[in-house]
Amino acid sequence: QVQLVESGGGLVQPGGSLRLSCVASGSFFSITAMGWYRQAPGKQRELVARIFSGGDTNYADSVKGRFTISRDNAKNTVYLQMNSLKLEDTAVYYCKTNWGGRNYWGQGTQVTVSS
């Protein structure tokens, strides 16, 4: 059974930083892509960043240059470093992977950017 557990969300002022973590269960971690998504109130869930097993990454245009996704395969953990946070980054952030043809999601962690 695949389980994803996010942490690291919170309240931060505009311009601040947060680092999200997602710990995955199972031995699949090092050979699968991992993604961070977010969903703001009244909006659809959207891809924020993704990292592939070989380390290649891609980002939503709205976060390029501000967010960095990384992974530590020894710890089965994927990170999202978020800098220069903006009000519009406020959302629930979810970790996601696909394994065995199924999508797996974490429970989400709230990020609120407010002055």
PDB file of N, CA and C in Angstrom:
ATOM      1  N   GLN A   1       0.844  -1.184   0.000  1.00  0.00           N
ATOM      2  CA  GLN A   1       0.000   0.000   0.000  1.00  0.00           C
ATOM      3  C   GLN A   1       0.886   1.242   0.000  1.00  0.00           C
ATOM      4  N   VAL A   2       0.584   2.165  -0.903  1.00  0.00           N
ATOM      5  CA  VAL A   2       1.343   3.408  -0.992  1.00  0.00           C
ATOM      6  C   VAL A   2       0.708   4.439  -0.086  1.00  0.00           C
ATOM      7  N   GLN A   3       1.532   5.068   0.750  1.00  0.00           N
ATOM      8  CA  GLN A   3       1.051   6.157   1.591  1.00  0.00           C
ATOM      9  C   GLN A   3       1.988   7.344   1.453  1.00  0.00           C
ATOM     10  N   LEU A   4       1.383   8.517   1.357  1.00  0.00           N
ATOM     11  CA  LEU A   4       2.128   9.761   1.247  1.00  0.00           C
ATOM     12  C   LEU A   4       1.691  10.680   2.379  1.00  0.00           C
ATOM     13  N   VAL A   5       2.661  11.231   3.100  1.00  0.00           N
ATOM     14  CA  VAL A   5       2.337  12.092   4.231  1.00  0.00           C
ATOM     15  C   VAL A   5       3.102  13.400   4.085  1.00  0.00           C
ATOM     16  N   GLU A   6       2.337  14.488   3.921  1.00  0.00           N
ATOM     17  CA  GLU A   6       2.935  15.812   3.764  1.00  0.00           C
ATOM     18  C   GLU A   6       3.056  16.506   5.118  1.00  0.00           C
ATOM     19  N   SER A   7       3.992  17.438   5.190  1.00  0.00           N
ATOM     20  CA  SER A   7       4.146  18.291   6.366  1.00  0.00           C
ATOM     21  C   SER A   7       4.854  19.564   5.940  1.00  0.00           C
ATOM     22  N   GLY A   8       4.843  20.548   6.837  1.00  0.00           N
ATOM     23  CA  GLY A   8       5.601  21.758   6.598  1.00  0.00           C
ATOM     24  C   GLY A   8       4.796  22.980   6.241  1.00  0.00           C
ATOM     25  N   GLY A   9       3.493  22.821   6.085  1.00  0.00           N
ATOM     26  CA  GLY A   9       2.672  23.979   5.772  1.00  0.00           C
ATOM     27  C   GLY A   9       2.547  24.916   6.962  1.00  0.00           C
ATOM     28  N   GLY A  10       1.939  26.074   6.711  1.00  0.00           N
ATOM     29  CA  GLY A  10       1.751  27.026   7.788  1.00  0.00           C
ATOM     30  C   GLY A  10       1.378  28.386   7.260  1.00  0.00           C
ATOM     31  N   LEU A  11       1.438  29.361   8.161  1.00  0.00           N
ATOM     32  CA  LEU A  11       1.125  30.746   7.838  1.00  0.00           C
ATOM     33  C   LEU A  11       2.423  31.519   7.670  1.00  0.00           C
ATOM     34  N   VAL A  12       2.538  32.244   6.582  1.00  0.00           N
ATOM     35  CA  VAL A  12       3.752  32.997   6.306  1.00  0.00           C
ATOM     36  C   VAL A  12       3.376  34.320   5.661  1.00  0.00           C
ATOM     37  N   GLN A  13       4.203  35.318   5.875  1.00  0.00           N
ATOM     38  CA  GLN A  13       3.959  36.617   5.264  1.00  0.00           C
ATOM     39  C   GLN A  13       4.433  36.628   3.820  1.00  0.00           C
ATOM     40  N   PRO A  14       3.889  37.508   3.004  1.00  0.00           N
ATOM     41  CA  PRO A  14       4.383  37.641   1.624  1.00  0.00           C
ATOM     42  C   PRO A  14       5.889  37.888   1.625  1.00  0.00           C
ATOM     43  N   GLY A  15       6.557  37.208   0.702  1.00  0.00           N
ATOM     44  CA  GLY A  15       8.008  37.291   0.628  1.00  0.00           C
ATOM     45  C   GLY A  15       8.731  36.261   1.468  1.00  0.00           C
ATOM     46  N   GLY A  16       7.993  35.558   2.295  1.00  0.00           N
ATOM     47  CA  GLY A  16       8.597  34.553   3.170  1.00  0.00           C
ATOM     48  C   GLY A  16       8.835  33.229   2.476  1.00  0.00           C
ATOM     49  N   SER A  17       9.303  32.269   3.265  1.00  0.00           N
ATOM     50  CA  SER A  17       9.651  30.947   2.730  1.00  0.00           C
ATOM     51  C   SER A  17       9.073  29.841   3.594  1.00  0.00           C
ATOM     52  N   LEU A  18       8.817  28.729   2.952  1.00  0.00           N
ATOM     53  CA  LEU A  18       8.428  27.496   3.635  1.00  0.00           C
ATOM     54  C   LEU A  18       9.044  26.330   2.880  1.00  0.00           C
ATOM     55  N   ARG A  19       9.257  25.230   3.598  1.00  0.00           N
ATOM     56  CA  ARG A  19       9.677  24.002   2.942  1.00  0.00           C
ATOM     57  C   ARG A  19       8.699  22.896   3.297  1.00  0.00           C
ATOM     58  N   LEU A  20       8.105  22.342   2.267  1.00  0.00           N
ATOM     59  CA  LEU A  20       7.188  21.217   2.437  1.00  0.00           C
ATOM     60  C   LEU A  20       7.953  19.909   2.262  1.00  0.00           C
ATOM     61  N   SER A  21       7.497  18.908   2.990  1.00  0.00           N
ATOM     62  CA  SER A  21       8.072  17.568   2.874  1.00  0.00           C
ATOM     63  C   SER A  21       6.959  16.563   2.621  1.00  0.00           C
ATOM     64  N   CYS A  22       7.290  15.533   1.883  1.00  0.00           N
ATOM     65  CA  CYS A  22       6.350  14.438   1.646  1.00  0.00           C
ATOM     66  C   CYS A  22       7.125  13.137   1.793  1.00  0.00           C
ATOM     67  N   VAL A  23       6.732  12.356   2.782  1.00  0.00           N
ATOM     68  CA  VAL A  23       7.374  11.066   3.021  1.00  0.00           C
ATOM     69  C   VAL A  23       6.493   9.976   2.428  1.00  0.00           C
ATOM     70  N   ALA A  24       7.117   9.108   1.654  1.00  0.00           N
ATOM     71  CA  ALA A  24       6.389   8.033   0.987  1.00  0.00           C
ATOM     72  C   ALA A  24       6.737   6.675   1.574  1.00  0.00           C
ATOM     73  N   SER A  25       5.741   5.831   1.678  1.00  0.00           N
ATOM     74  CA  SER A  25       5.996   4.468   2.112  1.00  0.00           C
ATOM     75  C   SER A  25       6.340   3.616   0.899  1.00  0.00           C
ATOM     76  N   GLY A  26       6.959   2.492   1.113  1.00  0.00           N
ATOM     77  CA  GLY A  26       7.188   1.556   0.029  1.00  0.00           C
ATOM     78  C   GLY A  26       8.540   1.695  -0.638  1.00  0.00           C
ATOM     79  N   SER A  27       8.920   0.643  -1.352  1.00  0.00           N
ATOM     80  CA  SER A  27      10.237   0.585  -1.985  1.00  0.00           C
ATOM     81  C   SER A  27      10.221   1.121  -3.410  1.00  0.00           C
ATOM     82  N   PHE A  28       9.089   1.656  -3.853  1.00  0.00           N
ATOM     83  CA  PHE A  28       8.960   2.152  -5.213  1.00  0.00           C
ATOM     84  C   PHE A  28       9.578   3.532  -5.406  1.00  0.00           C
ATOM     85  N   PHE A  29       9.832   4.222  -4.304  1.00  0.00           N
ATOM     86  CA  PHE A  29      10.053   5.662  -4.328  1.00  0.00           C
ATOM     87  C   PHE A  29      11.132   6.088  -5.324  1.00  0.00           C
ATOM     88  N   SER A  30      12.255   5.426  -5.303  1.00  0.00           N
ATOM     89  CA  SER A  30      13.393   5.898  -6.101  1.00  0.00           C
ATOM     90  C   SER A  30      13.174   5.754  -7.598  1.00  0.00           C
ATOM     91  N   ILE A  31      12.181   4.977  -8.005  1.00  0.00           N
ATOM     92  CA  ILE A  31      12.008   4.728  -9.433  1.00  0.00           C
ATOM     93  C   ILE A  31      10.724   5.325  -9.979  1.00  0.00           C
ATOM     94  N   THR A  32      10.141   6.239  -9.257  1.00  0.00           N
ATOM     95  CA  THR A  32       8.914   6.852  -9.739  1.00  0.00           C
ATOM     96  C   THR A  32       8.986   8.366  -9.638  1.00  0.00           C
ATOM     97  N   ALA A  33       8.232   9.029 -10.492  1.00  0.00           N
ATOM     98  CA  ALA A  33       8.146  10.479 -10.427  1.00  0.00           C
ATOM     99  C   ALA A  33       7.262  10.885  -9.249  1.00  0.00           C
ATOM    100  N   MET A  34       7.579  12.029  -8.692  1.00  0.00           N
ATOM    101  CA  MET A  34       6.802  12.591  -7.593  1.00  0.00           C
ATOM    102  C   MET A  34       6.392  14.007  -7.957  1.00  0.00           C
ATOM    103  N   GLY A  35       5.211  14.384  -7.547  1.00  0.00           N
ATOM    104  CA  GLY A  35       4.738  15.714  -7.880  1.00  0.00           C
ATOM    105  C   GLY A  35       4.125  16.432  -6.696  1.00  0.00           C
ATOM    106  N   TRP A  36       4.212  17.752  -6.745  1.00  0.00           N
ATOM    107  CA  TRP A  36       3.480  18.606  -5.808  1.00  0.00           C
ATOM    108  C   TRP A  36       2.382  19.317  -6.588  1.00  0.00           C
ATOM    109  N   TYR A  37       1.190  19.292  -6.032  1.00  0.00           N
ATOM    110  CA  TYR A  37       0.042  19.971  -6.605  1.00  0.00           C
ATOM    111  C   TYR A  37      -0.534  20.898  -5.539  1.00  0.00           C
ATOM    112  N   ARG A  38      -1.388  21.810  -5.978  1.00  0.00           N
ATOM    113  CA  ARG A  38      -2.056  22.660  -5.007  1.00  0.00           C
ATOM    114  C   ARG A  38      -3.476  22.961  -5.471  1.00  0.00           C
ATOM    115  N   GLN A  39      -4.301  23.249  -4.480  1.00  0.00           N
ATOM    116  CA  GLN A  39      -5.689  23.599  -4.775  1.00  0.00           C
ATOM    117  C   GLN A  39      -6.102  24.746  -3.871  1.00  0.00           C
ATOM    118  N   ALA A  40      -6.421  25.857  -4.521  1.00  0.00           N
ATOM    119  CA  ALA A  40      -6.912  27.028  -3.806  1.00  0.00           C
ATOM    120  C   ALA A  40      -8.437  26.961  -3.750  1.00  0.00           C
ATOM    121  N   PRO A  41      -9.041  27.655  -2.794  1.00  0.00           N
ATOM    122  CA  PRO A  41     -10.509  27.632  -2.675  1.00  0.00           C
ATOM    123  C   PRO A  41     -11.176  28.062  -3.981  1.00  0.00           C
ATOM    124  N   GLY A  42     -12.114  27.255  -4.439  1.00  0.00           N
ATOM    125  CA  GLY A  42     -12.853  27.577  -5.643  1.00  0.00           C
ATOM    126  C   GLY A  42     -12.113  27.341  -6.933  1.00  0.00           C
ATOM    127  N   LYS A  43     -10.936  26.753  -6.848  1.00  0.00           N
ATOM    128  CA  LYS A  43     -10.142  26.514  -8.057  1.00  0.00           C
ATOM    129  C   LYS A  43      -9.823  25.034  -8.202  1.00  0.00           C
ATOM    130  N   GLN A  44      -9.436  24.672  -9.417  1.00  0.00           N
ATOM    131  CA  GLN A  44      -9.061  23.288  -9.666  1.00  0.00           C
ATOM    132  C   GLN A  44      -7.661  23.014  -9.133  1.00  0.00           C
ATOM    133  N   ARG A  45      -7.430  21.756  -8.821  1.00  0.00           N
ATOM    134  CA  ARG A  45      -6.103  21.352  -8.406  1.00  0.00           C
ATOM    135  C   ARG A  45      -5.152  21.498  -9.594  1.00  0.00           C
ATOM    136  N   GLU A  46      -3.958  22.024  -9.332  1.00  0.00           N
ATOM    137  CA  GLU A  46      -2.999  22.265 -10.405  1.00  0.00           C
ATOM    138  C   GLU A  46      -1.613  21.750 -10.033  1.00  0.00           C
ATOM    139  N   LEU A  47      -0.874  21.375 -11.067  1.00  0.00           N
ATOM    140  CA  LEU A  47       0.496  20.931 -10.867  1.00  0.00           C
ATOM    141  C   LEU A  47       1.376  22.118 -10.517  1.00  0.00           C
ATOM    142  N   VAL A  48       2.179  21.963  -9.482  1.00  0.00           N
ATOM    143  CA  VAL A  48       3.140  22.987  -9.089  1.00  0.00           C
ATOM    144  C   VAL A  48       4.538  22.615  -9.581  1.00  0.00           C
ATOM    145  N   ALA A  49       4.961  21.396  -9.280  1.00  0.00           N
ATOM    146  CA  ALA A  49       6.297  20.955  -9.665  1.00  0.00           C
ATOM    147  C   ALA A  49       6.332  19.439  -9.672  1.00  0.00           C
ATOM    148  N   ARG A  50       7.244  18.905 -10.471  1.00  0.00           N
ATOM    149  CA  ARG A  50       7.370  17.457 -10.578  1.00  0.00           C
ATOM    150  C   ARG A  50       8.846  17.115 -10.702  1.00  0.00           C
ATOM    151  N   ILE A  51       9.208  15.995 -10.112  1.00  0.00           N
ATOM    152  CA  ILE A  51      10.584  15.520 -10.232  1.00  0.00           C
ATOM    153  C   ILE A  51      10.550  14.060 -10.628  1.00  0.00           C
ATOM    154  N   PHE A  52      11.359  13.723 -11.634  1.00  0.00           N
ATOM    155  CA  PHE A  52      11.377  12.373 -12.163  1.00  0.00           C
ATOM    156  C   PHE A  52      12.470  11.561 -11.472  1.00  0.00           C
ATOM    157  N   SER A  53      12.446  10.266 -11.709  1.00  0.00           N
ATOM    158  CA  SER A  53      13.374   9.391 -10.999  1.00  0.00           C
ATOM    159  C   SER A  53      14.825   9.747 -11.279  1.00  0.00           C
ATOM    160  N   GLY A  54      15.104  10.267 -12.469  1.00  0.00           N
ATOM    161  CA  GLY A  54      16.478  10.638 -12.812  1.00  0.00           C
ATOM    162  C   GLY A  54      16.872  12.018 -12.334  1.00  0.00           C
ATOM    163  N   GLY A  55      15.914  12.731 -11.740  1.00  0.00           N
ATOM    164  CA  GLY A  55      16.204  14.047 -11.195  1.00  0.00           C
ATOM    165  C   GLY A  55      15.725  15.210 -12.053  1.00  0.00           C
ATOM    166  N   ASP A  56      15.275  14.950 -13.257  1.00  0.00           N
ATOM    167  CA  ASP A  56      14.717  16.034 -14.078  1.00  0.00           C
ATOM    168  C   ASP A  56      13.493  16.626 -13.386  1.00  0.00           C
ATOM    169  N   THR A  57      13.315  17.917 -13.589  1.00  0.00           N
ATOM    170  CA  THR A  57      12.207  18.609 -12.942  1.00  0.00           C
ATOM    171  C   THR A  57      11.443  19.461 -13.944  1.00  0.00           C
ATOM    172  N   ASN A  58      10.202  19.740 -13.620  1.00  0.00           N
ATOM    173  CA  ASN A  58       9.476  20.792 -14.318  1.00  0.00           C
ATOM    174  C   ASN A  58       8.566  21.511 -13.338  1.00  0.00           C
ATOM    175  N   TYR A  59       8.229  22.752 -13.717  1.00  0.00           N
ATOM    176  CA  TYR A  59       7.516  23.650 -12.820  1.00  0.00           C
ATOM    177  C   TYR A  59       6.394  24.372 -13.558  1.00  0.00           C
ATOM    178  N   ALA A  60       5.373  24.729 -12.808  1.00  0.00           N
ATOM    179  CA  ALA A  60       4.367  25.636 -13.336  1.00  0.00           C
ATOM    180  C   ALA A  60       5.020  26.992 -13.556  1.00  0.00           C
ATOM    181  N   ASP A  61       4.583  27.699 -14.581  1.00  0.00           N
ATOM    182  CA  ASP A  61       5.166  29.008 -14.881  1.00  0.00           C
ATOM    183  C   ASP A  61       5.049  29.963 -13.690  1.00  0.00           C
ATOM    184  N   SER A  62       3.985  29.820 -12.937  1.00  0.00           N
ATOM    185  CA  SER A  62       3.715  30.752 -11.840  1.00  0.00           C
ATOM    186  C   SER A  62       4.706  30.613 -10.680  1.00  0.00           C
ATOM    187  N   VAL A  63       5.447  29.498 -10.634  1.00  0.00           N
ATOM    188  CA  VAL A  63       6.371  29.300  -9.511  1.00  0.00           C
ATOM    189  C   VAL A  63       7.831  29.211  -9.956  1.00  0.00           C
ATOM    190  N   LYS A  64       8.076  29.247 -11.240  1.00  0.00           N
ATOM    191  CA  LYS A  64       9.458  29.140 -11.726  1.00  0.00           C
ATOM    192  C   LYS A  64      10.320  30.248 -11.135  1.00  0.00           C
ATOM    193  N   GLY A  65      11.503  29.852 -10.671  1.00  0.00           N
ATOM    194  CA  GLY A  65      12.418  30.811 -10.080  1.00  0.00           C
ATOM    195  C   GLY A  65      12.179  31.067  -8.614  1.00  0.00           C
ATOM    196  N   ARG A  66      11.049  30.587  -8.084  1.00  0.00           N
ATOM    197  CA  ARG A  66      10.735  30.795  -6.666  1.00  0.00           C
ATOM    198  C   ARG A  66      10.687  29.483  -5.895  1.00  0.00           C
ATOM    199  N   PHE A  67      10.213  28.423  -6.537  1.00  0.00           N
ATOM    200  CA  PHE A  67      10.059  27.118  -5.881  1.00  0.00           C
ATOM    201  C   PHE A  67      11.102  26.151  -6.433  1.00  0.00           C
ATOM    202  N   THR A  68      11.532  25.239  -5.567  1.00  0.00           N
ATOM    203  CA  THR A  68      12.467  24.203  -5.979  1.00  0.00           C
ATOM    204  C   THR A  68      12.008  22.858  -5.423  1.00  0.00           C
ATOM    205  N   ILE A  69      11.864  21.889  -6.313  1.00  0.00           N
ATOM    206  CA  ILE A  69      11.521  20.538  -5.894  1.00  0.00           C
ATOM    207  C   ILE A  69      12.794  19.705  -5.859  1.00  0.00           C
ATOM    208  N   SER A  70      12.888  18.849  -4.847  1.00  0.00           N
ATOM    209  CA  SER A  70      14.044  17.968  -4.737  1.00  0.00           C
ATOM    210  C   SER A  70      13.611  16.668  -4.074  1.00  0.00           C
ATOM    211  N   ARG A  71      14.483  15.700  -4.113  1.00  0.00           N
ATOM    212  CA  ARG A  71      14.145  14.420  -3.508  1.00  0.00           C
ATOM    213  C   ARG A  71      15.359  13.816  -2.829  1.00  0.00           C
ATOM    214  N   ASP A  72      15.084  13.049  -1.795  1.00  0.00           N
ATOM    215  CA  ASP A  72      16.112  12.294  -1.093  1.00  0.00           C
ATOM    216  C   ASP A  72      15.645  10.841  -1.095  1.00  0.00           C
ATOM    217  N   ASN A  73      16.179  10.060  -2.003  1.00  0.00           N
ATOM    218  CA  ASN A  73      15.716   8.683  -2.142  1.00  0.00           C
ATOM    219  C   ASN A  73      16.040   7.836  -0.914  1.00  0.00           C
ATOM    220  N   ALA A  74      17.100   8.172  -0.219  1.00  0.00           N
ATOM    221  CA  ALA A  74      17.450   7.410   0.984  1.00  0.00           C
ATOM    222  C   ALA A  74      16.410   7.588   2.084  1.00  0.00           C
ATOM    223  N   LYS A  75      15.715   8.729   2.043  1.00  0.00           N
ATOM    224  CA  LYS A  75      14.700   9.019   3.056  1.00  0.00           C
ATOM    225  C   LYS A  75      13.279   8.888   2.513  1.00  0.00           C
ATOM    226  N   ASN A  76      13.146   8.447   1.254  1.00  0.00           N
ATOM    227  CA  ASN A  76      11.817   8.347   0.632  1.00  0.00           C
ATOM    228  C   ASN A  76      11.046   9.652   0.759  1.00  0.00           C
ATOM    229  N   THR A  77      11.731  10.757   0.555  1.00  0.00           N
ATOM    230  CA  THR A  77      11.136  12.064   0.799  1.00  0.00           C
ATOM    231  C   THR A  77      11.331  12.989  -0.395  1.00  0.00           C
ATOM    232  N   VAL A  78      10.282  13.706  -0.714  1.00  0.00           N
ATOM    233  CA  VAL A  78      10.355  14.761  -1.723  1.00  0.00           C
ATOM    234  C   VAL A  78      10.050  16.079  -1.021  1.00  0.00           C
ATOM    235  N   TYR A  79      10.762  17.110  -1.428  1.00  0.00           N
ATOM    236  CA  TYR A  79      10.655  18.422  -0.788  1.00  0.00           C
ATOM    237  C   TYR A  79      10.172  19.457  -1.800  1.00  0.00           C
ATOM    238  N   LEU A  80       9.570  20.501  -1.272  1.00  0.00           N
ATOM    239  CA  LEU A  80       9.246  21.665  -2.079  1.00  0.00           C
ATOM    240  C   LEU A  80       9.684  22.895  -1.281  1.00  0.00           C
ATOM    241  N   GLN A  81      10.774  23.490  -1.720  1.00  0.00           N
ATOM    242  CA  GLN A  81      11.243  24.731  -1.109  1.00  0.00           C
ATOM    243  C   GLN A  81      10.548  25.884  -1.796  1.00  0.00           C
ATOM    244  N   MET A  82       9.840  26.679  -1.023  1.00  0.00           N
ATOM    245  CA  MET A  82       9.046  27.776  -1.573  1.00  0.00           C
ATOM    246  C   MET A  82       9.598  29.088  -1.029  1.00  0.00           C
ATOM    247  N   ASN A  83      10.109  29.903  -1.915  1.00  0.00           N
ATOM    248  CA  ASN A  83      10.655  31.214  -1.550  1.00  0.00           C
ATOM    249  C   ASN A  83       9.828  32.314  -2.195  1.00  0.00           C
ATOM    250  N   SER A  84      10.007  33.528  -1.696  1.00  0.00           N
ATOM    251  CA  SER A  84       9.310  34.694  -2.255  1.00  0.00           C
ATOM    252  C   SER A  84       7.818  34.423  -2.405  1.00  0.00           C
ATOM    253  N   LEU A  85       7.233  33.908  -1.355  1.00  0.00           N
ATOM    254  CA  LEU A  85       5.818  33.510  -1.420  1.00  0.00           C
ATOM    255  C   LEU A  85       4.915  34.710  -1.652  1.00  0.00           C
ATOM    256  N   LYS A  86       3.858  34.470  -2.417  1.00  0.00           N
ATOM    257  CA  LYS A  86       2.894  35.499  -2.753  1.00  0.00           C
ATOM    258  C   LYS A  86       1.528  35.116  -2.193  1.00  0.00           C
ATOM    259  N   LEU A  87       0.658  36.116  -2.108  1.00  0.00           N
ATOM    260  CA  LEU A  87      -0.693  35.849  -1.615  1.00  0.00           C
ATOM    261  C   LEU A  87      -1.365  34.741  -2.425  1.00  0.00           C
ATOM    262  N   GLU A  88      -1.120  34.737  -3.723  1.00  0.00           N
ATOM    263  CA  GLU A  88      -1.772  33.764  -4.597  1.00  0.00           C
ATOM    264  C   GLU A  88      -1.212  32.356  -4.480  1.00  0.00           C
ATOM    265  N   ASP A  89      -0.183  32.174  -3.667  1.00  0.00           N
ATOM    266  CA  ASP A  89       0.325  30.817  -3.408  1.00  0.00           C
ATOM    267  C   ASP A  89      -0.482  30.121  -2.318  1.00  0.00           C
ATOM    268  N   THR A  90      -1.403  30.839  -1.703  1.00  0.00           N
ATOM    269  CA  THR A  90      -2.243  30.244  -0.664  1.00  0.00           C
ATOM    270  C   THR A  90      -3.070  29.103  -1.242  1.00  0.00           C
ATOM    271  N   ALA A  91      -2.955  27.933  -0.642  1.00  0.00           N
ATOM    272  CA  ALA A  91      -3.651  26.742  -1.131  1.00  0.00           C
ATOM    273  C   ALA A  91      -3.343  25.565  -0.218  1.00  0.00           C
ATOM    274  N   VAL A  92      -4.060  24.484  -0.444  1.00  0.00           N
ATOM    275  CA  VAL A  92      -3.668  23.205   0.139  1.00  0.00           C
ATOM    276  C   VAL A  92      -2.724  22.537  -0.849  1.00  0.00           C
ATOM    277  N   TYR A  93      -1.577  22.123  -0.360  1.00  0.00           N
ATOM    278  CA  TYR A  93      -0.563  21.496  -1.199  1.00  0.00           C
ATOM    279  C   TYR A  93      -0.575  19.986  -0.980  1.00  0.00           C
ATOM    280  N   TYR A  94      -0.581  19.272  -2.100  1.00  0.00           N
ATOM    281  CA  TYR A  94      -0.657  17.820  -2.071  1.00  0.00           C
ATOM    282  C   TYR A  94       0.549  17.200  -2.779  1.00  0.00           C
ATOM    283  N   CYS A  95       0.956  16.091  -2.245  1.00  0.00           N
ATOM    284  CA  CYS A  95       1.982  15.275  -2.859  1.00  0.00           C
ATOM    285  C   CYS A  95       1.285  14.158  -3.640  1.00  0.00           C
ATOM    286  N   LYS A  96       1.839  13.797  -4.779  1.00  0.00           N
ATOM    287  CA  LYS A  96       1.205  12.773  -5.603  1.00  0.00           C
ATOM    288  C   LYS A  96       2.238  11.916  -6.300  1.00  0.00           C
ATOM    289  N   THR A  97       1.894  10.639  -6.458  1.00  0.00           N
ATOM    290  CA  THR A  97       2.694   9.770  -7.299  1.00  0.00           C
ATOM    291  C   THR A  97       1.764   8.820  -8.036  1.00  0.00           C
ATOM    292  N   ASN A  98       2.310   8.169  -9.031  1.00  0.00           N
ATOM    293  CA  ASN A  98       1.567   7.151  -9.770  1.00  0.00           C
ATOM    294  C   ASN A  98       2.369   5.867  -9.712  1.00  0.00           C
ATOM    295  N   TRP A  99       1.718   4.814  -9.275  1.00  0.00           N
ATOM    296  CA  TRP A  99       2.413   3.540  -9.146  1.00  0.00           C
ATOM    297  C   TRP A  99       1.447   2.414  -9.473  1.00  0.00           C
ATOM    298  N   GLY A 100       1.875   1.528 -10.337  1.00  0.00           N
ATOM    299  CA  GLY A 100       1.014   0.412 -10.715  1.00  0.00           C
ATOM    300  C   GLY A 100      -0.251   0.857 -11.411  1.00  0.00           C
ATOM    301  N   GLY A 101      -0.181   1.994 -12.107  1.00  0.00           N
ATOM    302  CA  GLY A 101      -1.341   2.472 -12.832  1.00  0.00           C
ATOM    303  C   GLY A 101      -2.341   3.243 -12.000  1.00  0.00           C
ATOM    304  N   ARG A 102      -2.038   3.476 -10.743  1.00  0.00           N
ATOM    305  CA  ARG A 102      -2.925   4.222  -9.853  1.00  0.00           C
ATOM    306  C   ARG A 102      -2.251   5.489  -9.365  1.00  0.00           C
ATOM    307  N   ASN A 103      -3.077   6.526  -9.211  1.00  0.00           N
ATOM    308  CA  ASN A 103      -2.597   7.746  -8.583  1.00  0.00           C
ATOM    309  C   ASN A 103      -2.781   7.664  -7.072  1.00  0.00           C
ATOM    310  N   TYR A 104      -1.769   8.115  -6.364  1.00  0.00           N
ATOM    311  CA  TYR A 104      -1.829   8.176  -4.912  1.00  0.00           C
ATOM    312  C   TYR A 104      -1.572   9.610  -4.462  1.00  0.00           C
ATOM    313  N   TRP A 105      -2.399  10.055  -3.513  1.00  0.00           N
ATOM    314  CA  TRP A 105      -2.317  11.425  -3.011  1.00  0.00           C
ATOM    315  C   TRP A 105      -2.115  11.407  -1.504  1.00  0.00           C
ATOM    316  N   GLY A 106      -1.403  12.419  -1.026  1.00  0.00           N
ATOM    317  CA  GLY A 106      -1.334  12.634   0.399  1.00  0.00           C
ATOM    318  C   GLY A 106      -2.572  13.367   0.871  1.00  0.00           C
ATOM    319  N   GLN A 107      -2.616  13.638   2.169  1.00  0.00           N
ATOM    320  CA  GLN A 107      -3.788  14.278   2.762  1.00  0.00           C
ATOM    321  C   GLN A 107      -3.782  15.783   2.574  1.00  0.00           C
ATOM    322  N   GLY A 108      -2.640  16.341   2.193  1.00  0.00           N
ATOM    323  CA  GLY A 108      -2.528  17.773   1.963  1.00  0.00           C
ATOM    324  C   GLY A 108      -2.027  18.535   3.175  1.00  0.00           C
ATOM    325  N   THR A 109      -1.390  19.655   2.898  1.00  0.00           N
ATOM    326  CA  THR A 109      -0.922  20.555   3.956  1.00  0.00           C
ATOM    327  C   THR A 109      -1.242  21.982   3.545  1.00  0.00           C
ATOM    328  N   GLN A 110      -1.812  22.737   4.471  1.00  0.00           N
ATOM    329  CA  GLN A 110      -2.280  24.092   4.160  1.00  0.00           C
ATOM    330  C   GLN A 110      -1.119  25.079   4.189  1.00  0.00           C
ATOM    331  N   VAL A 111      -1.034  25.865   3.134  1.00  0.00           N
ATOM    332  CA  VAL A 111      -0.098  26.989   3.078  1.00  0.00           C
ATOM    333  C   VAL A 111      -0.923  28.254   2.945  1.00  0.00           C
ATOM    334  N   THR A 112      -0.733  29.163   3.884  1.00  0.00           N
ATOM    335  CA  THR A 112      -1.453  30.434   3.859  1.00  0.00           C
ATOM    336  C   THR A 112      -0.446  31.573   3.852  1.00  0.00           C
ATOM    337  N   VAL A 113      -0.538  32.396   2.825  1.00  0.00           N
ATOM    338  CA  VAL A 113       0.327  33.567   2.709  1.00  0.00           C
ATOM    339  C   VAL A 113      -0.530  34.783   2.977  1.00  0.00           C
ATOM    340  N   SER A 114      -0.207  35.479   4.050  1.00  0.00           N
ATOM    341  CA  SER A 114      -1.041  36.606   4.459  1.00  0.00           C
ATOM    342  C   SER A 114      -0.215  37.595   5.270  1.00  0.00           C
ATOM    343  N   SER A 115      -0.541  38.861   5.111  1.00  0.00           N
ATOM    344  CA  SER A 115       0.115  39.888   5.908  1.00  0.00           C
ATOM    345  C   SER A 115      -0.708  40.201   7.154  1.00  0.00           C
TER     346      SER A 115
END
